[in-house]
Amino acid sequence: MTKEKINIEMIATSEIKISCVVPQDRGIDALRAAHTAFALAGGKNGNGSGLG
């Protein structure tokens, strides 16, 4: 998120997930950044999911 200059307002973690609250107008950008950083479907890898 830092690389994309997205402010994380709150973070919550558990053993299986990390949740972040970001400004609504940056939500899609934050999702793309997370998917790209963790090599998940929907990142900038051109998998046709509509996010990349």
N, C-alpha and C. Protein backbone atom coordinates (compact mmCIF):
# COMPACT_ATOMS: atom_id res chain seq x y z
N MET A 1 0.82 -1.19 0.00
CA MET A 1 0.00 0.00 0.00
C MET A 1 0.87 1.26 0.00
N THR A 2 2.00 1.19 0.67
CA THR A 2 2.89 2.34 0.72
C THR A 2 3.38 2.71 -0.68
N LYS A 3 3.71 1.70 -1.46
CA LYS A 3 4.20 1.94 -2.82
C LYS A 3 3.18 2.70 -3.66
N GLU A 4 1.90 2.42 -3.42
CA GLU A 4 0.81 3.08 -4.16
C GLU A 4 0.30 4.33 -3.43
N LYS A 5 0.94 4.67 -2.30
CA LYS A 5 0.56 5.84 -1.49
C LYS A 5 -0.90 5.75 -1.02
N ILE A 6 -1.27 4.57 -0.55
CA ILE A 6 -2.62 4.34 -0.03
C ILE A 6 -2.54 4.31 1.49
N ASN A 7 -3.29 5.19 2.15
CA ASN A 7 -3.29 5.27 3.60
C ASN A 7 -4.11 4.12 4.20
N ILE A 8 -3.50 3.33 5.07
CA ILE A 8 -4.22 2.28 5.78
C ILE A 8 -4.71 2.88 7.10
N GLU A 9 -6.03 2.93 7.27
CA GLU A 9 -6.61 3.55 8.44
C GLU A 9 -6.70 2.59 9.63
N MET A 10 -6.81 1.29 9.35
CA MET A 10 -6.89 0.30 10.42
C MET A 10 -6.48 -1.05 9.86
N ILE A 11 -5.81 -1.87 10.68
CA ILE A 11 -5.41 -3.22 10.30
C ILE A 11 -5.87 -4.18 11.39
N ALA A 12 -6.41 -5.33 10.96
CA ALA A 12 -6.77 -6.41 11.89
C ALA A 12 -6.19 -7.70 11.32
N THR A 13 -5.66 -8.54 12.19
CA THR A 13 -5.06 -9.79 11.73
C THR A 13 -5.59 -10.98 12.51
N SER A 14 -5.52 -12.13 11.88
CA SER A 14 -5.81 -13.40 12.54
C SER A 14 -4.81 -14.40 11.98
N GLU A 15 -4.95 -15.65 12.35
CA GLU A 15 -4.03 -16.67 11.86
C GLU A 15 -4.13 -16.87 10.35
N ILE A 16 -5.30 -16.59 9.77
CA ILE A 16 -5.49 -16.90 8.35
C ILE A 16 -5.76 -15.69 7.46
N LYS A 17 -5.88 -14.48 8.04
CA LYS A 17 -6.16 -13.34 7.17
C LYS A 17 -5.64 -12.04 7.77
N ILE A 18 -5.50 -11.06 6.88
CA ILE A 18 -5.16 -9.69 7.25
C ILE A 18 -6.23 -8.81 6.63
N SER A 19 -6.84 -7.97 7.44
CA SER A 19 -7.87 -7.05 6.95
C SER A 19 -7.39 -5.62 7.13
N CYS A 20 -7.64 -4.77 6.13
CA CYS A 20 -7.25 -3.37 6.19
C CYS A 20 -8.44 -2.50 5.85
N VAL A 21 -8.53 -1.35 6.50
CA VAL A 21 -9.52 -0.34 6.15
C VAL A 21 -8.77 0.77 5.43
N VAL A 22 -9.23 1.08 4.23
CA VAL A 22 -8.62 2.15 3.42
C VAL A 22 -9.73 3.10 2.98
N PRO A 23 -9.37 4.30 2.56
CA PRO A 23 -10.40 5.22 2.06
C PRO A 23 -11.20 4.59 0.92
N GLN A 24 -12.49 4.82 0.90
CA GLN A 24 -13.36 4.20 -0.09
C GLN A 24 -12.91 4.47 -1.52
N ASP A 25 -12.45 5.68 -1.79
CA ASP A 25 -12.06 6.02 -3.16
C ASP A 25 -10.76 5.34 -3.59
N ARG A 26 -10.05 4.69 -2.67
CA ARG A 26 -8.81 3.98 -3.01
C ARG A 26 -8.96 2.46 -2.85
N GLY A 27 -10.18 2.00 -2.61
CA GLY A 27 -10.42 0.58 -2.37
C GLY A 27 -9.96 -0.34 -3.50
N ILE A 28 -10.31 -0.03 -4.72
CA ILE A 28 -9.92 -0.86 -5.86
C ILE A 28 -8.40 -0.83 -6.03
N ASP A 29 -7.80 0.34 -5.87
CA ASP A 29 -6.34 0.44 -5.97
C ASP A 29 -5.67 -0.41 -4.89
N ALA A 30 -6.21 -0.39 -3.69
CA ALA A 30 -5.66 -1.18 -2.59
C ALA A 30 -5.79 -2.67 -2.87
N LEU A 31 -6.91 -3.08 -3.41
CA LEU A 31 -7.11 -4.48 -3.75
C LEU A 31 -6.11 -4.92 -4.82
N ARG A 32 -5.94 -4.11 -5.83
CA ARG A 32 -4.95 -4.42 -6.87
C ARG A 32 -3.54 -4.52 -6.30
N ALA A 33 -3.20 -3.58 -5.41
CA ALA A 33 -1.86 -3.58 -4.82
C ALA A 33 -1.62 -4.84 -3.99
N ALA A 34 -2.60 -5.25 -3.21
CA ALA A 34 -2.46 -6.46 -2.40
C ALA A 34 -2.34 -7.69 -3.28
N HIS A 35 -3.17 -7.77 -4.31
CA HIS A 35 -3.12 -8.92 -5.21
C HIS A 35 -1.78 -8.99 -5.94
N THR A 36 -1.27 -7.85 -6.35
CA THR A 36 0.02 -7.82 -7.04
C THR A 36 1.15 -8.20 -6.07
N ALA A 37 1.13 -7.65 -4.87
CA ALA A 37 2.20 -7.91 -3.89
C ALA A 37 2.28 -9.37 -3.50
N PHE A 38 1.12 -10.04 -3.41
CA PHE A 38 1.10 -11.43 -2.97
C PHE A 38 0.88 -12.41 -4.12
N ALA A 39 0.98 -11.93 -5.37
CA ALA A 39 0.83 -12.76 -6.57
C ALA A 39 -0.48 -13.56 -6.55
N LEU A 40 -1.57 -12.87 -6.21
CA LEU A 40 -2.89 -13.49 -6.17
C LEU A 40 -3.64 -13.22 -7.47
N ALA A 41 -4.64 -14.01 -7.77
CA ALA A 41 -5.49 -13.79 -8.94
C ALA A 41 -6.07 -12.38 -8.87
N GLY A 42 -6.12 -11.71 -9.99
CA GLY A 42 -6.69 -10.38 -10.03
C GLY A 42 -5.66 -9.27 -9.95
N GLY A 43 -4.40 -9.62 -9.84
CA GLY A 43 -3.35 -8.61 -9.84
C GLY A 43 -3.07 -8.14 -11.25
N LYS A 44 -1.95 -7.52 -11.47
CA LYS A 44 -1.60 -7.00 -12.79
C LYS A 44 -0.97 -8.07 -13.66
N ASN A 45 -1.44 -9.30 -13.53
CA ASN A 45 -0.86 -10.40 -14.27
C ASN A 45 -1.69 -10.79 -15.48
N GLY A 46 -2.73 -10.01 -15.78
CA GLY A 46 -3.50 -10.24 -16.99
C GLY A 46 -4.28 -11.54 -17.02
N ASN A 47 -4.88 -11.93 -15.89
CA ASN A 47 -5.60 -13.19 -15.85
C ASN A 47 -7.08 -13.06 -16.23
N GLY A 48 -7.50 -11.85 -16.61
CA GLY A 48 -8.87 -11.68 -17.07
C GLY A 48 -9.91 -11.58 -15.99
N SER A 49 -9.50 -11.34 -14.75
CA SER A 49 -10.47 -11.29 -13.66
C SER A 49 -11.20 -9.96 -13.58
N GLY A 50 -10.74 -8.97 -14.34
CA GLY A 50 -11.38 -7.66 -14.30
C GLY A 50 -10.67 -6.68 -13.40
N LEU A 51 -9.72 -7.16 -12.58
CA LEU A 51 -9.00 -6.24 -11.70
C LEU A 51 -7.67 -5.81 -12.31
N GLY A 52 -7.06 -6.64 -13.13
CA GLY A 52 -5.70 -6.35 -13.61
C GLY A 52 -5.63 -5.65 -14.86
